[in-house]
Protein backbone atom coordinates (compact mmCIF):
# COMPACT_ATOMS: atom_id res chain seq x y z
CA UNK A 1 75.81 81.54 98.02
CA UNK A 2 78.98 83.47 98.89
CA UNK A 3 80.09 86.99 97.99
CA UNK A 4 83.76 87.90 97.70
CA UNK A 5 85.34 91.25 96.97
CA UNK A 6 88.79 92.67 96.30
CA UNK A 7 88.60 96.44 96.80
CA UNK A 8 91.71 98.08 95.36
CA UNK A 9 92.85 101.61 94.74
CA UNK A 10 92.39 101.23 90.98
CA UNK A 11 90.09 98.25 90.43
CA UNK A 12 87.39 96.49 92.43
CA UNK A 13 86.55 92.84 91.77
CA UNK A 14 83.32 91.27 93.00
CA UNK A 15 82.31 87.64 92.68
CA UNK A 16 79.46 85.33 93.57
CA UNK A 17 80.61 81.85 94.52
CA UNK A 18 79.16 78.46 95.27
CA UNK A 19 80.58 76.93 98.48
CA UNK A 20 83.12 74.16 97.88
CA UNK A 21 86.44 72.64 98.93
CA UNK A 22 89.32 73.28 98.63
CA UNK A 23 88.04 76.49 97.07
CA UNK A 24 84.60 77.90 96.20
CA UNK A 25 83.41 77.73 92.59
CA UNK A 26 82.96 81.13 90.87
CA UNK A 27 79.51 81.79 89.42
CA UNK A 28 79.80 85.43 88.36
CA UNK A 29 82.80 87.80 88.53
CA UNK A 30 82.81 91.46 87.47
CA UNK A 31 85.43 94.23 87.57
CA UNK A 32 84.76 97.90 88.32
CA UNK A 33 86.87 101.06 88.23
CA UNK A 34 86.97 101.94 91.92
CA UNK A 35 86.95 105.73 91.63
CA UNK A 36 84.03 105.66 89.17
CA UNK A 37 81.86 105.05 92.25
CA UNK A 38 81.34 106.97 95.47
CA UNK A 39 81.37 103.90 97.69
CA UNK A 40 81.19 100.12 97.89
CA UNK A 41 77.41 100.25 98.33
CA UNK A 42 77.03 101.70 94.84
CA UNK A 43 79.07 98.90 93.23
CA UNK A 44 77.38 96.17 95.27
CA UNK A 45 73.93 97.42 94.34
CA UNK A 46 74.71 97.32 90.61
CA UNK A 47 76.46 93.94 90.85
CA UNK A 48 73.75 92.13 92.82
CA UNK A 49 70.94 93.64 90.75
CA UNK A 50 72.64 92.48 87.55
CA UNK A 51 72.51 88.86 88.71
CA UNK A 52 69.16 89.04 90.48
CA UNK A 53 70.60 88.36 93.93
CA UNK A 54 69.38 89.88 97.19
CA UNK A 55 71.75 90.45 100.10
CA UNK A 56 69.63 88.20 102.30
CA UNK A 57 70.41 85.26 99.98
CA UNK A 58 74.13 85.44 100.77
CA UNK A 59 75.41 83.02 103.40
CA UNK A 60 78.61 85.02 103.96
CA UNK A 61 80.45 87.99 102.43
CA UNK A 62 84.15 88.77 102.75
CA UNK A 63 85.97 91.76 101.30
CA UNK A 64 89.70 92.38 100.94
CA UNK A 65 90.20 96.12 101.36
CA UNK A 66 93.27 98.23 100.52
CA UNK A 67 93.58 99.76 103.97
CA UNK A 68 93.85 98.99 107.66
CA UNK A 69 90.86 97.34 109.36
CA UNK A 70 89.96 98.58 112.84
CA UNK A 71 86.98 96.99 114.60
CA UNK A 72 85.64 95.89 111.19
CA UNK A 73 85.71 99.43 109.81
CA UNK A 74 88.05 100.36 106.97
CA UNK A 75 89.19 103.73 105.69
CA UNK A 76 90.83 103.03 102.34
CA UNK A 77 94.35 104.41 101.98
CA UNK A 78 94.29 105.72 98.41
CA UNK A 79 90.51 105.98 97.92
CA UNK A 80 88.12 108.30 99.85
CA UNK A 81 85.89 105.44 100.99
CA UNK A 82 84.88 104.24 104.45
CA UNK A 83 83.50 100.70 104.70
CA UNK A 84 81.70 99.48 107.83
CA UNK A 85 80.87 95.76 108.08
CA UNK A 86 78.37 96.39 110.87
CA UNK A 87 76.52 98.95 108.78
CA UNK A 88 76.33 96.49 105.88
CA UNK A 89 74.79 93.84 108.14
CA UNK A 90 72.23 96.37 109.36
CA UNK A 91 71.23 96.72 105.71
CA UNK A 92 70.52 93.07 105.06
CA UNK A 93 73.91 91.39 104.60
CA UNK A 94 74.78 88.41 106.79
CA UNK A 95 78.20 87.42 108.16
CA UNK A 96 80.13 90.31 106.59
CA UNK A 97 83.87 90.37 107.24
CA UNK A 98 86.45 92.95 106.17
CA UNK A 99 90.03 91.86 105.60
CA UNK A 100 93.13 93.79 104.71
CA UNK A 101 93.73 93.18 100.98
CA UNK A 102 96.94 91.23 101.58
CA UNK A 103 95.26 89.27 104.36
CA UNK A 104 92.64 88.26 101.80
CA UNK A 105 95.35 87.33 99.29
CA UNK A 106 96.99 85.21 101.99
CA UNK A 107 93.84 83.09 102.24
CA UNK A 108 94.37 82.15 98.58
CA UNK A 109 97.96 80.95 99.00
CA UNK A 110 97.14 77.40 100.22
CA UNK A 111 94.77 76.75 97.28
CA UNK A 112 96.89 78.13 94.42
CA UNK A 113 98.00 75.54 91.87
CA UNK A 114 101.59 75.20 90.55
CA UNK A 115 100.43 76.64 87.23
CA UNK A 116 99.48 79.87 89.00
CA UNK A 117 103.02 80.43 90.28
CA UNK A 118 106.44 81.23 88.82
CA UNK A 119 109.25 80.05 91.07
CA UNK A 120 112.15 82.46 91.62
CA UNK A 121 113.85 80.32 94.27
CA UNK A 122 113.05 76.69 95.00
CA UNK A 123 114.41 76.86 98.52
CA UNK A 124 113.60 74.22 101.10
CA UNK A 125 110.01 74.49 102.28
CA UNK A 126 109.43 73.78 105.96
CA UNK A 127 105.77 72.80 106.28
CA UNK A 128 105.60 73.93 109.90
CA UNK A 129 106.88 77.40 108.98
CA UNK A 130 105.26 80.75 108.29
CA UNK A 131 104.44 82.36 104.93
CA UNK A 132 104.99 85.98 103.82
CA UNK A 133 103.14 87.84 101.06
CA UNK A 134 104.11 91.12 99.40
CA UNK A 135 102.33 92.82 96.51
CA UNK A 136 103.16 96.00 94.61
CA UNK A 137 100.37 97.54 92.53
CA UNK A 138 98.56 100.84 93.02
CA UNK A 139 100.12 100.70 96.49
CA UNK A 140 102.34 98.27 98.37
CA UNK A 141 100.74 95.58 100.50
CA UNK A 142 102.31 93.10 102.89
CA UNK A 143 100.75 90.15 104.68
CA UNK A 144 101.50 86.84 106.34
CA UNK A 145 100.24 83.41 107.29
CA UNK A 146 101.44 82.40 110.73
CA UNK A 147 101.66 78.68 111.44
CA UNK A 148 99.76 78.20 114.69
CA UNK A 149 99.40 74.61 115.83
CA UNK A 150 99.88 73.34 112.29
CA UNK A 151 97.27 75.69 110.81
CA UNK A 152 98.19 78.67 108.63
CA UNK A 153 96.40 81.76 109.98
CA UNK A 154 96.44 84.89 107.76
CA UNK A 155 97.09 88.26 109.33
CA UNK A 156 97.03 91.87 108.21
CA UNK A 157 99.92 94.31 108.01
CA UNK A 158 100.44 97.90 106.89
CA UNK A 159 104.14 97.31 106.31
CA UNK A 160 103.97 98.98 102.91
CA UNK A 161 103.70 102.31 104.72
CA UNK A 162 106.76 101.64 106.88
CA UNK A 163 109.94 103.64 106.21
CA UNK A 164 111.89 102.77 103.08
CA UNK A 165 115.32 101.36 103.97
CA UNK A 166 117.99 102.59 101.56
CA UNK A 167 120.92 100.17 101.16
CA UNK A 168 123.23 101.73 98.56
CA UNK A 169 124.70 105.19 97.86
CA UNK A 170 122.35 105.56 94.87
CA UNK A 171 119.31 104.64 96.96
CA UNK A 172 120.43 107.16 99.60
CA UNK A 173 120.51 109.83 96.87
CA UNK A 174 117.01 108.79 95.79
CA UNK A 175 115.63 108.93 99.33
CA UNK A 176 117.16 112.37 99.84
CA UNK A 177 115.51 113.63 96.64
CA UNK A 178 112.13 112.11 97.51
CA UNK A 179 112.32 113.39 101.09
CA UNK A 180 112.38 116.93 99.72
CA UNK A 181 109.10 116.12 97.95
CA UNK A 182 107.20 113.97 100.44
CA UNK A 183 108.80 114.80 103.76
CA UNK A 184 109.01 111.11 104.65
CA UNK A 185 109.68 108.26 102.24
CA UNK A 186 107.76 105.03 102.78
CA UNK A 187 108.31 101.75 100.97
CA UNK A 188 105.15 102.46 98.96
CA UNK A 189 106.62 105.72 97.66
CA UNK A 190 109.04 103.51 95.69
CA UNK A 191 107.47 100.04 95.45
CA UNK A 192 104.19 100.66 93.65
CA UNK A 193 103.02 101.88 90.26
CA UNK A 194 103.23 105.54 91.34
CA UNK A 195 106.45 104.60 93.13
CA UNK A 196 108.03 103.47 89.87
CA UNK A 197 107.16 106.90 88.49
CA UNK A 198 108.93 108.46 91.48
CA UNK A 199 112.03 106.36 90.74
CA UNK A 200 111.80 107.29 87.05
CA UNK A 201 111.65 110.99 87.94
CA UNK A 202 114.72 110.53 90.11
CA UNK A 203 116.80 108.81 87.42
CA UNK A 204 115.77 111.47 84.90
CA UNK A 205 116.63 114.32 87.34
CA UNK A 206 113.05 115.55 87.17
CA UNK A 207 112.65 115.79 90.94
CA UNK A 208 115.09 118.68 90.95
CA UNK A 209 113.22 120.77 88.41
CA UNK A 210 109.52 119.88 88.66
CA UNK A 211 108.20 122.28 91.27
CA UNK A 212 104.67 120.95 90.75
CA UNK A 213 105.63 117.93 92.83
CA UNK A 214 105.95 120.19 95.89
CA UNK A 215 102.17 120.55 95.82
CA UNK A 216 101.90 116.80 96.49
CA UNK A 217 104.05 116.87 99.63
CA UNK A 218 101.05 116.14 101.87
CA UNK A 219 99.14 114.02 99.36
CA UNK A 220 99.11 110.36 98.43
CA UNK A 221 102.11 108.53 96.93
CA UNK A 222 100.60 109.00 93.48
CA UNK A 223 102.47 111.43 91.22
CA UNK A 224 99.87 113.32 89.22
CA UNK A 225 102.16 115.30 86.95
CA UNK A 226 103.09 113.93 83.53
CA UNK A 227 105.48 116.61 82.36
CA UNK A 228 109.05 115.98 81.36
CA UNK A 229 108.69 112.42 80.15
CA UNK A 230 111.61 111.16 78.09
CA UNK A 231 111.39 110.44 74.37
CA UNK A 232 111.38 106.68 74.97
CA UNK A 233 108.30 106.96 77.20
CA UNK A 234 106.55 109.76 75.33
CA UNK A 235 103.90 112.17 76.55
CA UNK A 236 100.90 110.68 78.31
CA UNK A 237 97.56 112.20 79.27
CA UNK A 238 96.81 109.72 82.07
CA UNK A 239 99.39 109.23 84.87
CA UNK A 240 98.27 105.59 85.16
CA UNK A 241 99.83 104.98 81.73
CA UNK A 242 103.30 105.99 82.92
CA UNK A 243 104.37 102.83 84.83
CA UNK A 244 103.73 100.44 81.91
CA UNK A 245 105.40 102.91 79.50
CA UNK A 246 108.45 103.14 81.75
CA UNK A 247 108.61 99.36 82.10
CA UNK A 248 108.32 98.82 78.34
CA UNK A 249 111.09 101.34 77.68
CA UNK A 250 113.35 99.73 80.28
CA UNK A 251 112.78 96.13 79.17
CA UNK A 252 113.46 97.11 75.54
CA UNK A 253 116.59 99.05 76.54
CA UNK A 254 115.36 102.21 74.79
CA UNK A 255 116.48 104.66 77.48
CA UNK A 256 119.37 104.17 79.95
CA UNK A 257 117.60 106.24 82.62
CA UNK A 258 114.48 104.05 82.30
CA UNK A 259 116.72 100.96 82.52
CA UNK A 260 118.24 102.32 85.73
CA UNK A 261 114.79 103.12 87.14
CA UNK A 262 113.62 99.55 86.66
CA UNK A 263 116.86 98.17 88.09
CA UNK A 264 116.47 100.34 91.21
CA UNK A 265 112.84 99.30 91.53
CA UNK A 266 113.54 95.57 91.15
CA UNK A 267 116.45 95.61 93.57
CA UNK A 268 114.45 97.53 96.18
CA UNK A 269 111.51 95.15 95.67
CA UNK A 270 113.73 92.13 96.24
CA UNK A 271 115.22 93.70 99.36
CA UNK A 272 111.78 94.46 100.83
CA UNK A 273 110.57 90.95 100.00
CA UNK A 274 113.57 89.64 101.91
CA UNK A 275 112.75 92.01 104.78
CA UNK A 276 109.24 90.63 105.23
CA UNK A 277 110.65 87.12 104.85
CA UNK A 278 112.87 87.88 107.85
CA UNK A 279 110.15 89.61 109.86
CA UNK A 280 107.80 86.65 109.48
CA UNK A 281 110.55 83.97 109.38
CA UNK A 282 108.86 82.72 106.20
CA UNK A 283 110.42 79.27 105.98
CA UNK A 284 107.28 77.99 104.22
CA UNK A 285 107.59 80.54 101.43
CA UNK A 286 107.51 84.16 100.29
CA UNK A 287 104.90 84.98 97.64
CA UNK A 288 105.01 88.00 95.33
CA UNK A 289 101.52 89.17 94.38
CA UNK A 290 100.07 92.32 92.84
CA UNK A 291 99.77 93.50 89.28
CA UNK A 292 103.34 94.62 88.68
CA UNK A 293 105.34 91.41 89.22
CA UNK A 294 103.80 89.34 86.38
CA UNK A 295 104.42 92.25 83.97
CA UNK A 296 108.13 92.51 84.79
CA UNK A 297 108.97 88.81 85.10
CA UNK A 298 112.09 89.04 82.88
CA UNK A 299 113.49 91.69 85.23
CA UNK A 300 112.59 89.62 88.30
CA UNK A 301 114.23 86.49 86.90
CA UNK A 302 117.58 87.98 85.85
CA UNK A 303 119.07 87.67 89.35
CA UNK A 304 118.84 91.26 90.61
CA UNK A 305 115.66 90.65 92.65
CA UNK A 306 116.93 87.50 94.34
CA UNK A 307 120.41 88.94 94.94
CA UNK A 308 118.81 91.75 96.96
CA UNK A 309 116.46 89.27 98.64
CA UNK A 310 119.37 87.13 99.85
CA UNK A 311 121.68 89.98 100.95
CA UNK A 312 120.67 89.70 104.61
CA UNK A 313 123.88 88.87 106.49
CA UNK A 314 124.15 87.43 109.06
CA UNK A 315 120.91 85.63 108.08
CA UNK A 316 121.59 85.26 104.36
CA UNK A 317 121.57 81.47 104.69
CA UNK A 318 118.10 81.58 106.23
CA UNK A 319 116.58 83.65 103.41
CA UNK A 320 118.47 81.61 100.80
CA UNK A 321 116.46 78.57 101.89
CA UNK A 322 113.06 80.32 101.69
CA UNK A 323 110.94 79.31 98.67
CA UNK A 324 110.05 82.40 96.61
CA UNK A 325 107.37 82.54 93.90
CA UNK A 326 105.41 85.10 91.86
CA UNK A 327 101.63 84.74 91.87
CA UNK A 328 100.25 84.79 88.30
CA UNK A 329 96.56 84.60 89.26
CA UNK A 330 95.35 88.19 88.83
CA UNK A 331 92.27 87.41 90.93
CA UNK A 332 94.09 85.89 93.91
CA UNK A 333 92.76 88.59 96.25
CA UNK A 334 89.19 87.85 95.20
CA UNK A 335 89.82 84.11 95.49
CA UNK A 336 91.19 84.58 99.00
CA UNK A 337 88.14 86.61 100.03
CA UNK A 338 85.89 83.84 98.72
CA UNK A 339 87.93 81.20 100.60
CA UNK A 340 87.46 83.23 103.79
CA UNK A 341 83.71 83.60 103.17
CA UNK A 342 83.52 79.83 102.61
CA UNK A 343 85.18 79.25 105.99
CA UNK A 344 82.95 81.82 107.72
CA UNK A 345 79.52 80.58 106.71
């Protein structure tokens, strides 16, 4: 039996799988609110006890983790957890492996079906090429599959925390405003759920007047304040409700400042997807994962995303030939972790 996990900043998915090819068969899958628990051990204990499984019965366990992995130890970026694969094996688990969350998602790419994808650009797939993965959700993740001797080998990246590259006068204004708040603006400060809130605050001129944001200068990208929301979005008690409210307002055209916020977000997302396509030379495809993309498909398909993706002179022809698709499978990270566990046993 295999154990897979997708440990995110908002939600944690765990699954028990039966080994199989091309992908393991799920037996039991449960979702947990990550911050409702003080560590992975707490969630694992409840999950395994529920299904009457002991750690010693597991042939292999792989976990995609939202953070950098160093010597099989992970300190999550937006969650105060530390996960140590060696410590888990000392407590009865066998063949435990930690993966960066986008590295885990990358393992799922080769086994996704056409029905689990929405194509934004057909391109011309080169089977001997590399693959890039980018996913905006609670944070921004980036990953890759490098073609080594005809075999796609997933790798981790923390590119979401690299500097945000402004391309237009309006984006330069936005970066200047956010720099006053955060000191340094990363791609995740804009391309994530909390990042969309940052963009929304910029288009509504709230960054100039909300002094409470100064308290978050040294904190995470998450914006905790909910004051000053526009009439189209309404007042919310939970900051996590803001991104979907902003998106709904923008897609319905209820507020011009919300519309601009989504346009800025989509254009920046397309540009960063094109950036990782260039960095990896992703001639076998660029895949857009995470929870946000499937929810804003109309905005991704209207041309703005792909226009920004392709605007890479002098290499615009190269990126124009890269296949680009949105991943619809909301459990692709968990699936990838299970695929890795299947290969590791």
